[in-house]
Amino acid sequence: MATGAAEGKVIFNKRNPQKMRRFDFSTGASSFKLSGLLNADFEHLDFKGGAGSYTLDFGGSLQHDDSVQADISVGVCDLTIIVPHDVSTRVVMKGALTSVSPGSFLVAGSREYVNGAYNSAKPTLEIIINMSVGSLDLKES
């Protein structure tokens, strides 16, 4: 999926019956909310956004025994990541000046955060965030 400067929502309210190898989403300077992302049943998510405000809600559940990865590259923005509390999740930060509000996530290393289900539940959702400048808010649902 690709958009220019826009505002919108993408909602996966039902499980995708077919596993996706890749889910690519690209947008310009915009405000977007993506919900139910684990229902999309992807192996790899590649999200690219310009300046703006983004919420990526990984609602749903991991459908297979394989871990999945989400690569998120954004410009100057406010980014909110929401994951289910029972999905093993690791978040790795890359990039420049970023303010992080980890919520209930634990600091696991330099610019690395894990939730309470990490290491106790499999498979794992790994989120790698490359942000120019902005704020990151980590939440569990």
C-alpha atoms as a PDB file:
ATOM      1  CA  MET A   1       0.000   0.000   0.000  1.00  0.00           C
ATOM      2  CA  ALA A   2       1.219   3.495  -0.715  1.00  0.00           C
ATOM      3  CA  THR A   3      -0.152   6.981  -0.138  1.00  0.00           C
ATOM      4  CA  GLY A   4       1.103  10.518  -0.402  1.00  0.00           C
ATOM      5  CA  ALA A   5       0.358  13.117   2.238  1.00  0.00           C
ATOM      6  CA  ALA A   6      -2.831  11.828   3.828  1.00  0.00           C
ATOM      7  CA  GLU A   7      -4.809  11.010   6.931  1.00  0.00           C
ATOM      8  CA  GLY A   8      -6.447   7.643   7.387  1.00  0.00           C
ATOM      9  CA  LYS A   9      -6.990   4.271   9.024  1.00  0.00           C
ATOM     10  CA  VAL A  10      -6.372   0.711   7.933  1.00  0.00           C
ATOM     11  CA  ILE A  11      -8.110  -1.935  10.045  1.00  0.00           C
ATOM     12  CA  PHE A  12      -7.625  -5.701   9.904  1.00  0.00           C
ATOM     13  CA  ASN A  13     -10.625  -6.809  11.949  1.00  0.00           C
ATOM     14  CA  LYS A  14     -10.519 -10.423  10.734  1.00  0.00           C
ATOM     15  CA  ARG A  15      -7.663 -12.856  10.328  1.00  0.00           C
ATOM     16  CA  ASN A  16      -6.230 -12.943   6.832  1.00  0.00           C
ATOM     17  CA  PRO A  17      -6.901 -16.497   5.550  1.00  0.00           C
ATOM     18  CA  GLN A  18      -3.662 -16.471   3.544  1.00  0.00           C
ATOM     19  CA  LYS A  19      -0.257 -15.837   5.111  1.00  0.00           C
ATOM     20  CA  MET A  20       1.574 -12.829   3.624  1.00  0.00           C
ATOM     21  CA  ARG A  21       5.311 -12.995   3.138  1.00  0.00           C
ATOM     22  CA  ARG A  22       5.584  -9.190   3.092  1.00  0.00           C
ATOM     23  CA  PHE A  23       3.295  -6.333   3.938  1.00  0.00           C
ATOM     24  CA  ASP A  24       4.677  -3.013   2.670  1.00  0.00           C
ATOM     25  CA  PHE A  25       3.072   0.279   3.666  1.00  0.00           C
ATOM     26  CA  SER A  26       4.501   3.616   2.572  1.00  0.00           C
ATOM     27  CA  THR A  27       3.157   7.105   3.183  1.00  0.00           C
ATOM     28  CA  GLY A  28       4.350  10.686   2.929  1.00  0.00           C
ATOM     29  CA  ALA A  29       3.863  13.378   5.547  1.00  0.00           C
ATOM     30  CA  SER A  30       0.661  12.138   7.134  1.00  0.00           C
ATOM     31  CA  SER A  31      -1.334  10.852  10.067  1.00  0.00           C
ATOM     32  CA  PHE A  32      -2.221   7.154   9.988  1.00  0.00           C
ATOM     33  CA  LYS A  33      -3.529   4.473  12.310  1.00  0.00           C
ATOM     34  CA  LEU A  34      -3.097   0.816  11.402  1.00  0.00           C
ATOM     35  CA  SER A  35      -5.065  -1.574  13.636  1.00  0.00           C
ATOM     36  CA  GLY A  36      -5.252  -5.346  14.014  1.00  0.00           C
ATOM     37  CA  LEU A  37      -1.898  -5.761  12.287  1.00  0.00           C
ATOM     38  CA  LEU A  38      -1.289  -9.310  13.551  1.00  0.00           C
ATOM     39  CA  ASN A  39      -4.574 -10.291  11.878  1.00  0.00           C
ATOM     40  CA  ALA A  40      -2.888  -9.422   8.565  1.00  0.00           C
ATOM     41  CA  ASP A  41      -0.756 -12.549   9.176  1.00  0.00           C
ATOM     42  CA  PHE A  42       2.496 -11.218   7.709  1.00  0.00           C
ATOM     43  CA  GLU A  43       6.011 -12.612   8.036  1.00  0.00           C
ATOM     44  CA  HIS A  44       7.588  -9.194   7.517  1.00  0.00           C
ATOM     45  CA  LEU A  45       6.062  -5.716   7.776  1.00  0.00           C
ATOM     46  CA  ASP A  46       7.908  -2.805   6.184  1.00  0.00           C
ATOM     47  CA  PHE A  47       6.372   0.535   7.207  1.00  0.00           C
ATOM     48  CA  LYS A  48       7.812   3.772   5.840  1.00  0.00           C
ATOM     49  CA  GLY A  49       6.456   7.168   6.802  1.00  0.00           C
ATOM     50  CA  GLY A  50       7.504  10.776   6.469  1.00  0.00           C
ATOM     51  CA  ALA A  51       6.858  13.485   9.022  1.00  0.00           C
ATOM     52  CA  GLY A  52       3.610  13.003  10.901  1.00  0.00           C
ATOM     53  CA  SER A  53       1.782  11.002  13.513  1.00  0.00           C
ATOM     54  CA  TYR A  54       1.455   7.216  13.341  1.00  0.00           C
ATOM     55  CA  THR A  55      -0.186   4.558  15.482  1.00  0.00           C
ATOM     56  CA  LEU A  56       0.625   0.932  14.724  1.00  0.00           C
ATOM     57  CA  ASP A  57      -1.629  -1.368  16.732  1.00  0.00           C
ATOM     58  CA  PHE A  58      -0.462  -4.974  16.491  1.00  0.00           C
ATOM     59  CA  GLY A  59      -3.798  -6.318  17.725  1.00  0.00           C
ATOM     60  CA  GLY A  60      -4.687  -9.916  16.950  1.00  0.00           C
ATOM     61  CA  SER A  61      -2.450 -12.907  17.548  1.00  0.00           C
ATOM     62  CA  LEU A  62       0.516 -14.534  15.892  1.00  0.00           C
ATOM     63  CA  GLN A  63      -0.972 -17.235  13.699  1.00  0.00           C
ATOM     64  CA  HIS A  64       2.001 -19.554  13.240  1.00  0.00           C
ATOM     65  CA  ASP A  65       4.993 -20.844  15.170  1.00  0.00           C
ATOM     66  CA  ASP A  66       7.332 -18.526  13.283  1.00  0.00           C
ATOM     67  CA  SER A  67       8.452 -15.208  14.714  1.00  0.00           C
ATOM     68  CA  VAL A  68       7.647 -12.106  12.689  1.00  0.00           C
ATOM     69  CA  GLN A  69       9.485  -8.847  12.119  1.00  0.00           C
ATOM     70  CA  ALA A  70       8.316  -5.278  11.601  1.00  0.00           C
ATOM     71  CA  ASP A  71      10.736  -2.685  10.230  1.00  0.00           C
ATOM     72  CA  ILE A  72       9.485   0.841  10.806  1.00  0.00           C
ATOM     73  CA  SER A  73      11.289   3.804   9.239  1.00  0.00           C
ATOM     74  CA  VAL A  74       9.865   7.259   9.910  1.00  0.00           C
ATOM     75  CA  GLY A  75      10.938  10.881   9.739  1.00  0.00           C
ATOM     76  CA  VAL A  76      10.107  13.551  12.301  1.00  0.00           C
ATOM     77  CA  CYS A  77       7.042  12.144  14.033  1.00  0.00           C
ATOM     78  CA  ASP A  78       5.085  10.931  17.011  1.00  0.00           C
ATOM     79  CA  LEU A  79       4.875   7.140  16.897  1.00  0.00           C
ATOM     80  CA  THR A  80       2.706   4.916  19.081  1.00  0.00           C
ATOM     81  CA  ILE A  81       3.204   1.136  19.086  1.00  0.00           C
ATOM     82  CA  ILE A  82       0.533  -1.042  20.730  1.00  0.00           C
ATOM     83  CA  VAL A  83       1.009  -4.798  21.208  1.00  0.00           C
ATOM     84  CA  PRO A  84      -1.083  -7.449  22.971  1.00  0.00           C
ATOM     85  CA  HIS A  85       0.278  -8.126  26.474  1.00  0.00           C
ATOM     86  CA  ASP A  86       0.531 -11.876  25.782  1.00  0.00           C
ATOM     87  CA  VAL A  87       2.580 -11.600  22.560  1.00  0.00           C
ATOM     88  CA  SER A  88       6.330 -11.907  23.141  1.00  0.00           C
ATOM     89  CA  THR A  89       7.676  -8.579  21.865  1.00  0.00           C
ATOM     90  CA  ARG A  90      11.098  -6.979  21.464  1.00  0.00           C
ATOM     91  CA  VAL A  91      11.539  -3.379  20.262  1.00  0.00           C
ATOM     92  CA  VAL A  92      14.907  -2.097  19.036  1.00  0.00           C
ATOM     93  CA  MET A  93      15.464   1.627  18.477  1.00  0.00           C
ATOM     94  CA  LYS A  94      17.781   3.014  15.824  1.00  0.00           C
ATOM     95  CA  GLY A  95      18.164   6.548  14.597  1.00  0.00           C
ATOM     96  CA  ALA A  96      18.830   9.938  16.083  1.00  0.00           C
ATOM     97  CA  LEU A  97      17.090  11.913  18.789  1.00  0.00           C
ATOM     98  CA  THR A  98      14.090  10.024  20.092  1.00  0.00           C
ATOM     99  CA  SER A  99      12.151  10.359  23.308  1.00  0.00           C
ATOM    100  CA  VAL A 100      10.823   6.972  24.478  1.00  0.00           C
ATOM    101  CA  SER A 101       7.915   6.385  26.861  1.00  0.00           C
ATOM    102  CA  PRO A 102       8.271   2.638  27.516  1.00  0.00           C
ATOM    103  CA  GLY A 103       5.031   2.166  29.462  1.00  0.00           C
ATOM    104  CA  SER A 104       5.081  -1.372  30.907  1.00  0.00           C
ATOM    105  CA  PHE A 105       7.972  -2.437  28.643  1.00  0.00           C
ATOM    106  CA  LEU A 106      11.279  -3.240  30.339  1.00  0.00           C
ATOM    107  CA  VAL A 107      14.619  -1.772  29.304  1.00  0.00           C
ATOM    108  CA  ALA A 108      16.611  -4.758  28.002  1.00  0.00           C
ATOM    109  CA  GLY A 109      19.686  -2.954  26.733  1.00  0.00           C
ATOM    110  CA  SER A 110      20.814   0.199  25.083  1.00  0.00           C
ATOM    111  CA  ARG A 111      17.752   1.344  23.104  1.00  0.00           C
ATOM    112  CA  GLU A 112      16.093  -2.071  23.432  1.00  0.00           C
ATOM    113  CA  TYR A 113      12.776  -2.832  25.152  1.00  0.00           C
ATOM    114  CA  VAL A 114      10.853  -6.050  25.866  1.00  0.00           C
ATOM    115  CA  ASN A 115       7.436  -6.748  27.304  1.00  0.00           C
ATOM    116  CA  GLY A 116       6.581  -9.145  30.130  1.00  0.00           C
ATOM    117  CA  ALA A 117       5.756 -11.986  27.723  1.00  0.00           C
ATOM    118  CA  TYR A 118       9.209 -11.850  26.116  1.00  0.00           C
ATOM    119  CA  ASN A 119      11.153 -15.125  26.572  1.00  0.00           C
ATOM    120  CA  SER A 120       8.117 -16.819  28.128  1.00  0.00           C
ATOM    121  CA  ALA A 121       5.928 -16.929  25.043  1.00  0.00           C
ATOM    122  CA  LYS A 122       6.800 -17.985  21.527  1.00  0.00           C
ATOM    123  CA  PRO A 123       6.793 -16.945  18.726  1.00  0.00           C
ATOM    124  CA  THR A 124       8.142 -13.389  18.991  1.00  0.00           C
ATOM    125  CA  LEU A 125       7.210 -10.103  17.371  1.00  0.00           C
ATOM    126  CA  GLU A 126      10.395  -8.133  16.729  1.00  0.00           C
ATOM    127  CA  ILE A 127       9.969  -4.445  15.935  1.00  0.00           C
ATOM    128  CA  ILE A 128      12.916  -2.433  14.641  1.00  0.00           C
ATOM    129  CA  ILE A 129      12.333   1.318  14.593  1.00  0.00           C
ATOM    130  CA  ASN A 130      14.487   3.783  12.696  1.00  0.00           C
ATOM    131  CA  MET A 131      13.280   7.281  13.556  1.00  0.00           C
ATOM    132  CA  SER A 132      14.890  10.598  12.656  1.00  0.00           C
ATOM    133  CA  VAL A 133      13.563  12.802  15.455  1.00  0.00           C
ATOM    134  CA  GLY A 134      10.436  12.408  17.517  1.00  0.00           C
ATOM    135  CA  SER A 135       8.719  10.525  20.282  1.00  0.00           C
ATOM    136  CA  LEU A 136       7.917   6.846  20.701  1.00  0.00           C
ATOM    137  CA  ASP A 137       5.153   5.627  22.990  1.00  0.00           C
ATOM    138  CA  LEU A 138       5.088   1.865  23.735  1.00  0.00           C
ATOM    139  CA  LYS A 139       1.815   0.399  25.019  1.00  0.00           C
ATOM    140  CA  GLU A 140       0.243  -2.990  25.706  1.00  0.00           C
ATOM    141  CA  SER A 141      -3.399  -3.904  25.178  1.00  0.00           C
END
